Amino acid sequence: MRMNRKTGLAALLIFFGIMILCSKIGGFHHIGHSLIGFLFPLAMVGLGYLGIKNGRSTIGWILVVIGGLILFGKLSGLIAIAVAVGLIVYGFSLFRNRSVH
């Protein structure tokens, strides 16, 4: 197989995706403990939504934004796994498209 720019990019994307995925999968032994950590930011988002619906938009939006940022930070591991899987799939699709042309 001849290496060109697309083949090198595909191999690099697959490599980085596998590296990210391997580093993130090792942290699944604390699932029960981390589920409780989602309760507080979800409660903040829910209370903020209720505040917005009941006419207290300022405090509601503050709670939604702070709870959303905390929740985003807690979901960053899952987001990294999704990005890693996306890199792997896109890399394989580049390999597949290269063989057609």
PDB file of N, CA and C in Angstrom:
ATOM      1  N   MET A   1       0.843  -1.171   0.000  1.00  0.00           N
ATOM      2  CA  MET A   1       0.000   0.000   0.000  1.00  0.00           C
ATOM      3  C   MET A   1       0.893   1.240   0.000  1.00  0.00           C
ATOM      4  N   ARG A   2       0.575   2.147  -0.874  1.00  0.00           N
ATOM      5  CA  ARG A   2       1.354   3.366  -1.003  1.00  0.00           C
ATOM      6  C   ARG A   2       0.853   4.431  -0.042  1.00  0.00           C
ATOM      7  N   MET A   3       1.774   5.054   0.681  1.00  0.00           N
ATOM      8  CA  MET A   3       1.393   6.087   1.640  1.00  0.00           C
ATOM      9  C   MET A   3       1.281   7.423   0.914  1.00  0.00           C
ATOM     10  N   ASN A   4       0.156   8.075   1.109  1.00  0.00           N
ATOM     11  CA  ASN A   4       0.006   9.439   0.630  1.00  0.00           C
ATOM     12  C   ASN A   4      -0.550  10.276   1.779  1.00  0.00           C
ATOM     13  N   ARG A   5      -0.944  11.484   1.495  1.00  0.00           N
ATOM     14  CA  ARG A   5      -1.391  12.400   2.549  1.00  0.00           C
ATOM     15  C   ARG A   5      -2.643  11.896   3.257  1.00  0.00           C
ATOM     16  N   LYS A   6      -3.636  11.377   2.507  1.00  0.00           N
ATOM     17  CA  LYS A   6      -4.876  10.896   3.120  1.00  0.00           C
ATOM     18  C   LYS A   6      -4.636   9.636   3.945  1.00  0.00           C
ATOM     19  N   THR A   7      -3.776   8.756   3.478  1.00  0.00           N
ATOM     20  CA  THR A   7      -3.489   7.536   4.220  1.00  0.00           C
ATOM     21  C   THR A   7      -2.785   7.867   5.531  1.00  0.00           C
ATOM     22  N   GLY A   8      -1.848   8.777   5.488  1.00  0.00           N
ATOM     23  CA  GLY A   8      -1.154   9.197   6.710  1.00  0.00           C
ATOM     24  C   GLY A   8      -2.095   9.866   7.697  1.00  0.00           C
ATOM     25  N   LEU A   9      -2.991  10.721   7.195  1.00  0.00           N
ATOM     26  CA  LEU A   9      -3.968  11.373   8.054  1.00  0.00           C
ATOM     27  C   LEU A   9      -4.909  10.348   8.676  1.00  0.00           C
ATOM     28  N   ALA A  10      -5.351   9.381   7.887  1.00  0.00           N
ATOM     29  CA  ALA A  10      -6.245   8.342   8.402  1.00  0.00           C
ATOM     30  C   ALA A  10      -5.567   7.532   9.495  1.00  0.00           C
ATOM     31  N   ALA A  11      -4.312   7.150   9.275  1.00  0.00           N
ATOM     32  CA  ALA A  11      -3.584   6.380  10.283  1.00  0.00           C
ATOM     33  C   ALA A  11      -3.363   7.207  11.549  1.00  0.00           C
ATOM     34  N   LEU A  12      -3.081   8.484  11.396  1.00  0.00           N
ATOM     35  CA  LEU A  12      -2.884   9.361  12.546  1.00  0.00           C
ATOM     36  C   LEU A  12      -4.170   9.531  13.342  1.00  0.00           C
ATOM     37  N   LEU A  13      -5.295   9.719  12.658  1.00  0.00           N
ATOM     38  CA  LEU A  13      -6.582   9.858  13.345  1.00  0.00           C
ATOM     39  C   LEU A  13      -6.957   8.590  14.100  1.00  0.00           C
ATOM     40  N   ILE A  14      -6.736   7.450  13.479  1.00  0.00           N
ATOM     41  CA  ILE A  14      -7.039   6.176  14.147  1.00  0.00           C
ATOM     42  C   ILE A  14      -6.141   6.004  15.369  1.00  0.00           C
ATOM     43  N   PHE A  15      -4.867   6.326  15.238  1.00  0.00           N
ATOM     44  CA  PHE A  15      -3.930   6.205  16.358  1.00  0.00           C
ATOM     45  C   PHE A  15      -4.342   7.081  17.528  1.00  0.00           C
ATOM     46  N   PHE A  16      -4.643   8.366  17.256  1.00  0.00           N
ATOM     47  CA  PHE A  16      -5.039   9.263  18.333  1.00  0.00           C
ATOM     48  C   PHE A  16      -6.366   8.838  18.953  1.00  0.00           C
ATOM     49  N   GLY A  17      -7.297   8.379  18.150  1.00  0.00           N
ATOM     50  CA  GLY A  17      -8.570   7.903  18.676  1.00  0.00           C
ATOM     51  C   GLY A  17      -8.400   6.721  19.597  1.00  0.00           C
ATOM     52  N   ILE A  18      -7.565   5.768  19.205  1.00  0.00           N
ATOM     53  CA  ILE A  18      -7.325   4.593  20.043  1.00  0.00           C
ATOM     54  C   ILE A  18      -6.602   4.990  21.329  1.00  0.00           C
ATOM     55  N   MET A  19      -5.664   5.917  21.255  1.00  0.00           N
ATOM     56  CA  MET A  19      -4.953   6.356  22.454  1.00  0.00           C
ATOM     57  C   MET A  19      -5.900   7.033  23.445  1.00  0.00           C
ATOM     58  N   ILE A  20      -6.782   7.909  22.963  1.00  0.00           N
ATOM     59  CA  ILE A  20      -7.736   8.580  23.845  1.00  0.00           C
ATOM     60  C   ILE A  20      -8.695   7.567  24.449  1.00  0.00           C
ATOM     61  N   LEU A  21      -9.173   6.654  23.625  1.00  0.00           N
ATOM     62  CA  LEU A  21     -10.121   5.645  24.091  1.00  0.00           C
ATOM     63  C   LEU A  21      -9.496   4.754  25.160  1.00  0.00           C
ATOM     64  N   CYS A  22      -8.265   4.331  24.969  1.00  0.00           N
ATOM     65  CA  CYS A  22      -7.598   3.480  25.960  1.00  0.00           C
ATOM     66  C   CYS A  22      -7.380   4.218  27.276  1.00  0.00           C
ATOM     67  N   SER A  23      -7.076   5.507  27.216  1.00  0.00           N
ATOM     68  CA  SER A  23      -6.851   6.245  28.456  1.00  0.00           C
ATOM     69  C   SER A  23      -8.145   6.498  29.211  1.00  0.00           C
ATOM     70  N   LYS A  24      -9.262   6.594  28.508  1.00  0.00           N
ATOM     71  CA  LYS A  24     -10.537   6.879  29.159  1.00  0.00           C
ATOM     72  C   LYS A  24     -11.233   5.626  29.662  1.00  0.00           C
ATOM     73  N   ILE A  25     -11.038   4.497  29.046  1.00  0.00           N
ATOM     74  CA  ILE A  25     -11.721   3.271  29.458  1.00  0.00           C
ATOM     75  C   ILE A  25     -11.199   2.794  30.811  1.00  0.00           C
ATOM     76  N   GLY A  26      -9.988   3.099  31.154  1.00  0.00           N
ATOM     77  CA  GLY A  26      -9.431   2.666  32.423  1.00  0.00           C
ATOM     78  C   GLY A  26     -10.135   3.250  33.641  1.00  0.00           C
ATOM     79  N   GLY A  27     -10.936   4.291  33.474  1.00  0.00           N
ATOM     80  CA  GLY A  27     -11.574   4.952  34.608  1.00  0.00           C
ATOM     81  C   GLY A  27     -12.987   4.515  34.890  1.00  0.00           C
ATOM     82  N   PHE A  28     -13.422   3.364  34.386  1.00  0.00           N
ATOM     83  CA  PHE A  28     -14.804   2.951  34.570  1.00  0.00           C
ATOM     84  C   PHE A  28     -15.060   2.211  35.880  1.00  0.00           C
ATOM     85  N   HIS A  29     -14.077   2.075  36.762  1.00  0.00           N
ATOM     86  CA  HIS A  29     -14.289   1.334  37.994  1.00  0.00           C
ATOM     87  C   HIS A  29     -14.956   2.175  39.082  1.00  0.00           C
ATOM     88  N   HIS A  30     -15.161   3.454  38.852  1.00  0.00           N
ATOM     89  CA  HIS A  30     -15.804   4.329  39.829  1.00  0.00           C
ATOM     90  C   HIS A  30     -17.193   4.773  39.367  1.00  0.00           C
ATOM     91  N   ILE A  31     -17.903   3.928  38.640  1.00  0.00           N
ATOM     92  CA  ILE A  31     -19.186   4.332  38.049  1.00  0.00           C
ATOM     93  C   ILE A  31     -20.214   4.675  39.120  1.00  0.00           C
ATOM     94  N   GLY A  32     -20.365   3.864  40.137  1.00  0.00           N
ATOM     95  CA  GLY A  32     -21.367   4.113  41.167  1.00  0.00           C
ATOM     96  C   GLY A  32     -21.132   5.414  41.902  1.00  0.00           C
ATOM     97  N   HIS A  33     -19.890   5.696  42.229  1.00  0.00           N
ATOM     98  CA  HIS A  33     -19.561   6.916  42.943  1.00  0.00           C
ATOM     99  C   HIS A  33     -19.766   8.146  42.068  1.00  0.00           C
ATOM    100  N   SER A  34     -19.458   8.057  40.808  1.00  0.00           N
ATOM    101  CA  SER A  34     -19.568   9.227  39.938  1.00  0.00           C
ATOM    102  C   SER A  34     -21.013   9.538  39.554  1.00  0.00           C
ATOM    103  N   LEU A  35     -21.916   8.569  39.636  1.00  0.00           N
ATOM    104  CA  LEU A  35     -23.321   8.852  39.327  1.00  0.00           C
ATOM    105  C   LEU A  35     -23.922   9.825  40.331  1.00  0.00           C
ATOM    106  N   ILE A  36     -23.513   9.740  41.574  1.00  0.00           N
ATOM    107  CA  ILE A  36     -23.987  10.669  42.588  1.00  0.00           C
ATOM    108  C   ILE A  36     -23.482  12.083  42.292  1.00  0.00           C
ATOM    109  N   GLY A  37     -22.318  12.191  41.707  1.00  0.00           N
ATOM    110  CA  GLY A  37     -21.758  13.489  41.353  1.00  0.00           C
ATOM    111  C   GLY A  37     -22.552  14.217  40.289  1.00  0.00           C
ATOM    112  N   PHE A  38     -23.368  13.500  39.534  1.00  0.00           N
ATOM    113  CA  PHE A  38     -24.216  14.141  38.525  1.00  0.00           C
ATOM    114  C   PHE A  38     -25.483  14.714  39.131  1.00  0.00           C
ATOM    115  N   LEU A  39     -25.837  14.302  40.327  1.00  0.00           N
ATOM    116  CA  LEU A  39     -27.089  14.715  40.943  1.00  0.00           C
ATOM    117  C   LEU A  39     -27.123  16.216  41.223  1.00  0.00           C
ATOM    118  N   PHE A  40     -26.057  16.765  41.777  1.00  0.00           N
ATOM    119  CA  PHE A  40     -26.027  18.187  42.119  1.00  0.00           C
ATOM    120  C   PHE A  40     -26.141  19.091  40.894  1.00  0.00           C
ATOM    121  N   PRO A  41     -25.336  18.903  39.839  1.00  0.00           N
ATOM    122  CA  PRO A  41     -25.500  19.793  38.683  1.00  0.00           C
ATOM    123  C   PRO A  41     -26.849  19.617  37.981  1.00  0.00           C
ATOM    124  N   LEU A  42     -27.363  18.394  37.948  1.00  0.00           N
ATOM    125  CA  LEU A  42     -28.685  18.198  37.352  1.00  0.00           C
ATOM    126  C   LEU A  42     -29.766  18.902  38.168  1.00  0.00           C
ATOM    127  N   ALA A  43     -29.634  18.880  39.493  1.00  0.00           N
ATOM    128  CA  ALA A  43     -30.580  19.591  40.348  1.00  0.00           C
ATOM    129  C   ALA A  43     -30.482  21.099  40.116  1.00  0.00           C
ATOM    130  N   MET A  44     -29.265  21.604  39.934  1.00  0.00           N
ATOM    131  CA  MET A  44     -29.097  23.035  39.665  1.00  0.00           C
ATOM    132  C   MET A  44     -29.756  23.427  38.350  1.00  0.00           C
ATOM    133  N   VAL A  45     -29.565  22.613  37.331  1.00  0.00           N
ATOM    134  CA  VAL A  45     -30.188  22.904  36.031  1.00  0.00           C
ATOM    135  C   VAL A  45     -31.712  22.839  36.163  1.00  0.00           C
ATOM    136  N   GLY A  46     -32.221  21.828  36.874  1.00  0.00           N
ATOM    137  CA  GLY A  46     -33.663  21.704  37.060  1.00  0.00           C
ATOM    138  C   GLY A  46     -34.256  22.863  37.838  1.00  0.00           C
ATOM    139  N   LEU A  47     -33.591  23.270  38.918  1.00  0.00           N
ATOM    140  CA  LEU A  47     -34.083  24.420  39.687  1.00  0.00           C
ATOM    141  C   LEU A  47     -33.989  25.713  38.880  1.00  0.00           C
ATOM    142  N   GLY A  48     -32.945  25.835  38.086  1.00  0.00           N
ATOM    143  CA  GLY A  48     -32.837  27.007  37.214  1.00  0.00           C
ATOM    144  C   GLY A  48     -33.948  27.055  36.190  1.00  0.00           C
ATOM    145  N   TYR A  49     -34.295  25.901  35.630  1.00  0.00           N
ATOM    146  CA  TYR A  49     -35.400  25.833  34.676  1.00  0.00           C
ATOM    147  C   TYR A  49     -36.717  26.229  35.342  1.00  0.00           C
ATOM    148  N   LEU A  50     -36.933  25.724  36.570  1.00  0.00           N
ATOM    149  CA  LEU A  50     -38.148  26.110  37.304  1.00  0.00           C
ATOM    150  C   LEU A  50     -38.163  27.605  37.598  1.00  0.00           C
ATOM    151  N   GLY A  51     -37.008  28.160  37.917  1.00  0.00           N
ATOM    152  CA  GLY A  51     -36.923  29.596  38.153  1.00  0.00           C
ATOM    153  C   GLY A  51     -37.254  30.400  36.905  1.00  0.00           C
ATOM    154  N   ILE A  52     -36.789  29.962  35.763  1.00  0.00           N
ATOM    155  CA  ILE A  52     -37.091  30.654  34.507  1.00  0.00           C
ATOM    156  C   ILE A  52     -38.579  30.573  34.211  1.00  0.00           C
ATOM    157  N   LYS A  53     -39.162  29.397  34.411  1.00  0.00           N
ATOM    158  CA  LYS A  53     -40.594  29.209  34.143  1.00  0.00           C
ATOM    159  C   LYS A  53     -41.475  30.020  35.090  1.00  0.00           C
ATOM    160  N   ASN A  54     -41.001  30.263  36.334  1.00  0.00           N
ATOM    161  CA  ASN A  54     -41.807  30.976  37.323  1.00  0.00           C
ATOM    162  C   ASN A  54     -41.501  32.470  37.388  1.00  0.00           C
ATOM    163  N   GLY A  55     -40.819  32.997  36.386  1.00  0.00           N
ATOM    164  CA  GLY A  55     -40.608  34.438  36.309  1.00  0.00           C
ATOM    165  C   GLY A  55     -39.349  34.950  36.972  1.00  0.00           C
ATOM    166  N   ARG A  56     -38.550  34.125  37.548  1.00  0.00           N
ATOM    167  CA  ARG A  56     -37.277  34.532  38.159  1.00  0.00           C
ATOM    168  C   ARG A  56     -36.146  34.200  37.184  1.00  0.00           C
ATOM    169  N   SER A  57     -36.132  34.917  36.074  1.00  0.00           N
ATOM    170  CA  SER A  57     -35.232  34.535  34.987  1.00  0.00           C
ATOM    171  C   SER A  57     -33.759  34.767  35.322  1.00  0.00           C
ATOM    172  N   THR A  58     -33.433  35.800  36.077  1.00  0.00           N
ATOM    173  CA  THR A  58     -32.032  36.086  36.367  1.00  0.00           C
ATOM    174  C   THR A  58     -31.393  34.951  37.170  1.00  0.00           C
ATOM    175  N   ILE A  59     -31.993  34.615  38.304  1.00  0.00           N
ATOM    176  CA  ILE A  59     -31.435  33.543  39.125  1.00  0.00           C
ATOM    177  C   ILE A  59     -31.571  32.198  38.410  1.00  0.00           C
ATOM    178  N   GLY A  60     -32.636  32.041  37.632  1.00  0.00           N
ATOM    179  CA  GLY A  60     -32.818  30.800  36.875  1.00  0.00           C
ATOM    180  C   GLY A  60     -31.706  30.580  35.877  1.00  0.00           C
ATOM    181  N   TRP A  61     -31.367  31.630  35.109  1.00  0.00           N
ATOM    182  CA  TRP A  61     -30.303  31.496  34.119  1.00  0.00           C
ATOM    183  C   TRP A  61     -28.946  31.296  34.780  1.00  0.00           C
ATOM    184  N   ILE A  62     -28.737  31.938  35.930  1.00  0.00           N
ATOM    185  CA  ILE A  62     -27.477  31.750  36.646  1.00  0.00           C
ATOM    186  C   ILE A  62     -27.335  30.287  37.062  1.00  0.00           C
ATOM    187  N   LEU A  63     -28.400  29.711  37.619  1.00  0.00           N
ATOM    188  CA  LEU A  63     -28.350  28.310  38.035  1.00  0.00           C
ATOM    189  C   LEU A  63     -28.179  27.366  36.843  1.00  0.00           C
ATOM    190  N   VAL A  64     -28.858  27.662  35.741  1.00  0.00           N
ATOM    191  CA  VAL A  64     -28.736  26.811  34.553  1.00  0.00           C
ATOM    192  C   VAL A  64     -27.307  26.853  34.008  1.00  0.00           C
ATOM    193  N   VAL A  65     -26.724  28.033  33.938  1.00  0.00           N
ATOM    194  CA  VAL A  65     -25.364  28.164  33.389  1.00  0.00           C
ATOM    195  C   VAL A  65     -24.346  27.485  34.303  1.00  0.00           C
ATOM    196  N   ILE A  66     -24.420  27.742  35.613  1.00  0.00           N
ATOM    197  CA  ILE A  66     -23.452  27.124  36.525  1.00  0.00           C
ATOM    198  C   ILE A  66     -23.628  25.604  36.549  1.00  0.00           C
ATOM    199  N   GLY A  67     -24.869  25.138  36.629  1.00  0.00           N
ATOM    200  CA  GLY A  67     -25.116  23.696  36.612  1.00  0.00           C
ATOM    201  C   GLY A  67     -24.687  23.067  35.296  1.00  0.00           C
ATOM    202  N   GLY A  68     -24.917  23.764  34.187  1.00  0.00           N
ATOM    203  CA  GLY A  68     -24.505  23.252  32.881  1.00  0.00           C
ATOM    204  C   GLY A  68     -22.992  23.159  32.755  1.00  0.00           C
ATOM    205  N   LEU A  69     -22.282  24.147  33.279  1.00  0.00           N
ATOM    206  CA  LEU A  69     -20.821  24.103  33.226  1.00  0.00           C
ATOM    207  C   LEU A  69     -20.272  22.961  34.080  1.00  0.00           C
ATOM    208  N   ILE A  70     -20.845  22.772  35.266  1.00  0.00           N
ATOM    209  CA  ILE A  70     -20.405  21.659  36.111  1.00  0.00           C
ATOM    210  C   ILE A  70     -20.695  20.333  35.421  1.00  0.00           C
ATOM    211  N   LEU A  71     -21.891  20.232  34.834  1.00  0.00           N
ATOM    212  CA  LEU A  71     -22.277  19.000  34.143  1.00  0.00           C
ATOM    213  C   LEU A  71     -21.387  18.749  32.930  1.00  0.00           C
ATOM    214  N   PHE A  72     -21.041  19.807  32.209  1.00  0.00           N
ATOM    215  CA  PHE A  72     -20.135  19.669  31.062  1.00  0.00           C
ATOM    216  C   PHE A  72     -18.775  19.153  31.510  1.00  0.00           C
ATOM    217  N   GLY A  73     -18.288  19.651  32.638  1.00  0.00           N
ATOM    218  CA  GLY A  73     -17.015  19.180  33.171  1.00  0.00           C
ATOM    219  C   GLY A  73     -17.067  17.711  33.568  1.00  0.00           C
ATOM    220  N   LYS A  74     -18.190  17.290  34.128  1.00  0.00           N
ATOM    221  CA  LYS A  74     -18.330  15.889  34.528  1.00  0.00           C
ATOM    222  C   LYS A  74     -18.506  14.966  33.323  1.00  0.00           C
ATOM    223  N   LEU A  75     -19.074  15.489  32.251  1.00  0.00           N
ATOM    224  CA  LEU A  75     -19.283  14.685  31.044  1.00  0.00           C
ATOM    225  C   LEU A  75     -18.098  14.742  30.087  1.00  0.00           C
ATOM    226  N   SER A  76     -17.036  15.445  30.459  1.00  0.00           N
ATOM    227  CA  SER A  76     -15.904  15.600  29.544  1.00  0.00           C
ATOM    228  C   SER A  76     -15.264  14.261  29.196  1.00  0.00           C
ATOM    229  N   GLY A  77     -15.259  13.311  30.127  1.00  0.00           N
ATOM    230  CA  GLY A  77     -14.719  11.985  29.826  1.00  0.00           C
ATOM    231  C   GLY A  77     -15.524  11.279  28.752  1.00  0.00           C
ATOM    232  N   LEU A  78     -16.851  11.361  28.850  1.00  0.00           N
ATOM    233  CA  LEU A  78     -17.702  10.743  27.833  1.00  0.00           C
ATOM    234  C   LEU A  78     -17.595  11.470  26.500  1.00  0.00           C
ATOM    235  N   ILE A  79     -17.436  12.785  26.557  1.00  0.00           N
ATOM    236  CA  ILE A  79     -17.251  13.554  25.329  1.00  0.00           C
ATOM    237  C   ILE A  79     -15.936  13.153  24.664  1.00  0.00           C
ATOM    238  N   ALA A  80     -14.892  12.937  25.460  1.00  0.00           N
ATOM    239  CA  ALA A  80     -13.599  12.507  24.911  1.00  0.00           C
ATOM    240  C   ALA A  80     -13.720  11.128  24.264  1.00  0.00           C
ATOM    241  N   ILE A  81     -14.493  10.228  24.875  1.00  0.00           N
ATOM    242  CA  ILE A  81     -14.700   8.904  24.275  1.00  0.00           C
ATOM    243  C   ILE A  81     -15.436   9.031  22.952  1.00  0.00           C
ATOM    244  N   ALA A  82     -16.461   9.901  22.908  1.00  0.00           N
ATOM    245  CA  ALA A  82     -17.203  10.098  21.658  1.00  0.00           C
ATOM    246  C   ALA A  82     -16.300  10.677  20.570  1.00  0.00           C
ATOM    247  N   VAL A  83     -15.422  11.610  20.938  1.00  0.00           N
ATOM    248  CA  VAL A  83     -14.482  12.181  19.964  1.00  0.00           C
ATOM    249  C   VAL A  83     -13.509  11.112  19.478  1.00  0.00           C
ATOM    250  N   ALA A  84     -13.036  10.262  20.389  1.00  0.00           N
ATOM    251  CA  ALA A  84     -12.102   9.200  20.015  1.00  0.00           C
ATOM    252  C   ALA A  84     -12.751   8.226  19.038  1.00  0.00           C
ATOM    253  N   VAL A  85     -13.981   7.823  19.322  1.00  0.00           N
ATOM    254  CA  VAL A  85     -14.692   6.918  18.418  1.00  0.00           C
ATOM    255  C   VAL A  85     -14.924   7.597  17.073  1.00  0.00           C
ATOM    256  N   GLY A  86     -15.253   8.883  17.098  1.00  0.00           N
ATOM    257  CA  GLY A  86     -15.437   9.627  15.853  1.00  0.00           C
ATOM    258  C   GLY A  86     -14.162   9.690  15.023  1.00  0.00           C
ATOM    259  N   LEU A  87     -13.011   9.895  15.688  1.00  0.00           N
ATOM    260  CA  LEU A  87     -11.732   9.913  14.975  1.00  0.00           C
ATOM    261  C   LEU A  87     -11.440   8.561  14.334  1.00  0.00           C
ATOM    262  N   ILE A  88     -11.721   7.489  15.057  1.00  0.00           N
ATOM    263  CA  ILE A  88     -11.478   6.150  14.525  1.00  0.00           C
ATOM    264  C   ILE A  88     -12.377   5.879  13.325  1.00  0.00           C
ATOM    265  N   VAL A  89     -13.660   6.200  13.443  1.00  0.00           N
ATOM    266  CA  VAL A  89     -14.606   5.964  12.338  1.00  0.00           C
ATOM    267  C   VAL A  89     -14.233   6.806  11.128  1.00  0.00           C
ATOM    268  N   TYR A  90     -13.878   8.081  11.354  1.00  0.00           N
ATOM    269  CA  TYR A  90     -13.498   8.943  10.237  1.00  0.00           C
ATOM    270  C   TYR A  90     -12.204   8.448   9.584  1.00  0.00           C
ATOM    271  N   GLY A  91     -11.260   7.978  10.381  1.00  0.00           N
ATOM    272  CA  GLY A  91     -10.019   7.430   9.822  1.00  0.00           C
ATOM    273  C   GLY A  91     -10.277   6.214   8.957  1.00  0.00           C
ATOM    274  N   PHE A  92     -11.133   5.298   9.431  1.00  0.00           N
ATOM    275  CA  PHE A  92     -11.465   4.131   8.623  1.00  0.00           C
ATOM    276  C   PHE A  92     -12.230   4.519   7.364  1.00  0.00           C
ATOM    277  N   SER A  93     -13.076   5.557   7.444  1.00  0.00           N
ATOM    278  CA  SER A  93     -13.797   5.984   6.243  1.00  0.00           C
ATOM    279  C   SER A  93     -12.839   6.585   5.220  1.00  0.00           C
ATOM    280  N   LEU A  94     -11.769   7.252   5.701  1.00  0.00           N
ATOM    281  CA  LEU A  94     -10.764   7.752   4.760  1.00  0.00           C
ATOM    282  C   LEU A  94     -10.043   6.598   4.067  1.00  0.00           C
ATOM    283  N   PHE A  95      -9.762   5.520   4.819  1.00  0.00           N
ATOM    284  CA  PHE A  95      -9.165   4.339   4.196  1.00  0.00           C
ATOM    285  C   PHE A  95     -10.093   3.739   3.150  1.00  0.00           C
ATOM    286  N   ARG A  96     -11.368   3.636   3.488  1.00  0.00           N
ATOM    287  CA  ARG A  96     -12.342   3.044   2.570  1.00  0.00           C
ATOM    288  C   ARG A  96     -12.513   3.883   1.308  1.00  0.00           C
ATOM    289  N   ASN A  97     -12.592   5.217   1.457  1.00  0.00           N
ATOM    290  CA  ASN A  97     -12.738   6.094   0.305  1.00  0.00           C
ATOM    291  C   ASN A  97     -11.497   6.089  -0.572  1.00  0.00           C
ATOM    292  N   ARG A  98     -10.330   5.877   0.009  1.00  0.00           N
ATOM    293  CA  ARG A  98      -9.109   5.853  -0.759  1.00  0.00           C
ATOM    294  C   ARG A  98      -9.065   4.641  -1.676  1.00  0.00           C
ATOM    295  N   SER A  99      -9.592   3.496  -1.219  1.00  0.00           N
ATOM    296  CA  SER A  99      -9.541   2.289  -2.026  1.00  0.00           C
ATOM    297  C   SER A  99     -10.478   2.356  -3.226  1.00  0.00           C
ATOM    298  N   VAL A 100     -11.511   3.209  -3.169  1.00  0.00           N
ATOM    299  CA  VAL A 100     -12.447   3.346  -4.283  1.00  0.00           C
ATOM    300  C   VAL A 100     -11.805   4.107  -5.422  1.00  0.00           C
ATOM    301  N   HIS A 101     -11.020   5.132  -5.105  1.00  0.00           N
ATOM    302  CA  HIS A 101     -10.449   5.989  -6.162  1.00  0.00           C
ATOM    303  C   HIS A 101      -9.188   5.401  -6.623  1.00  0.00           C
TER     304      HIS A 101
END
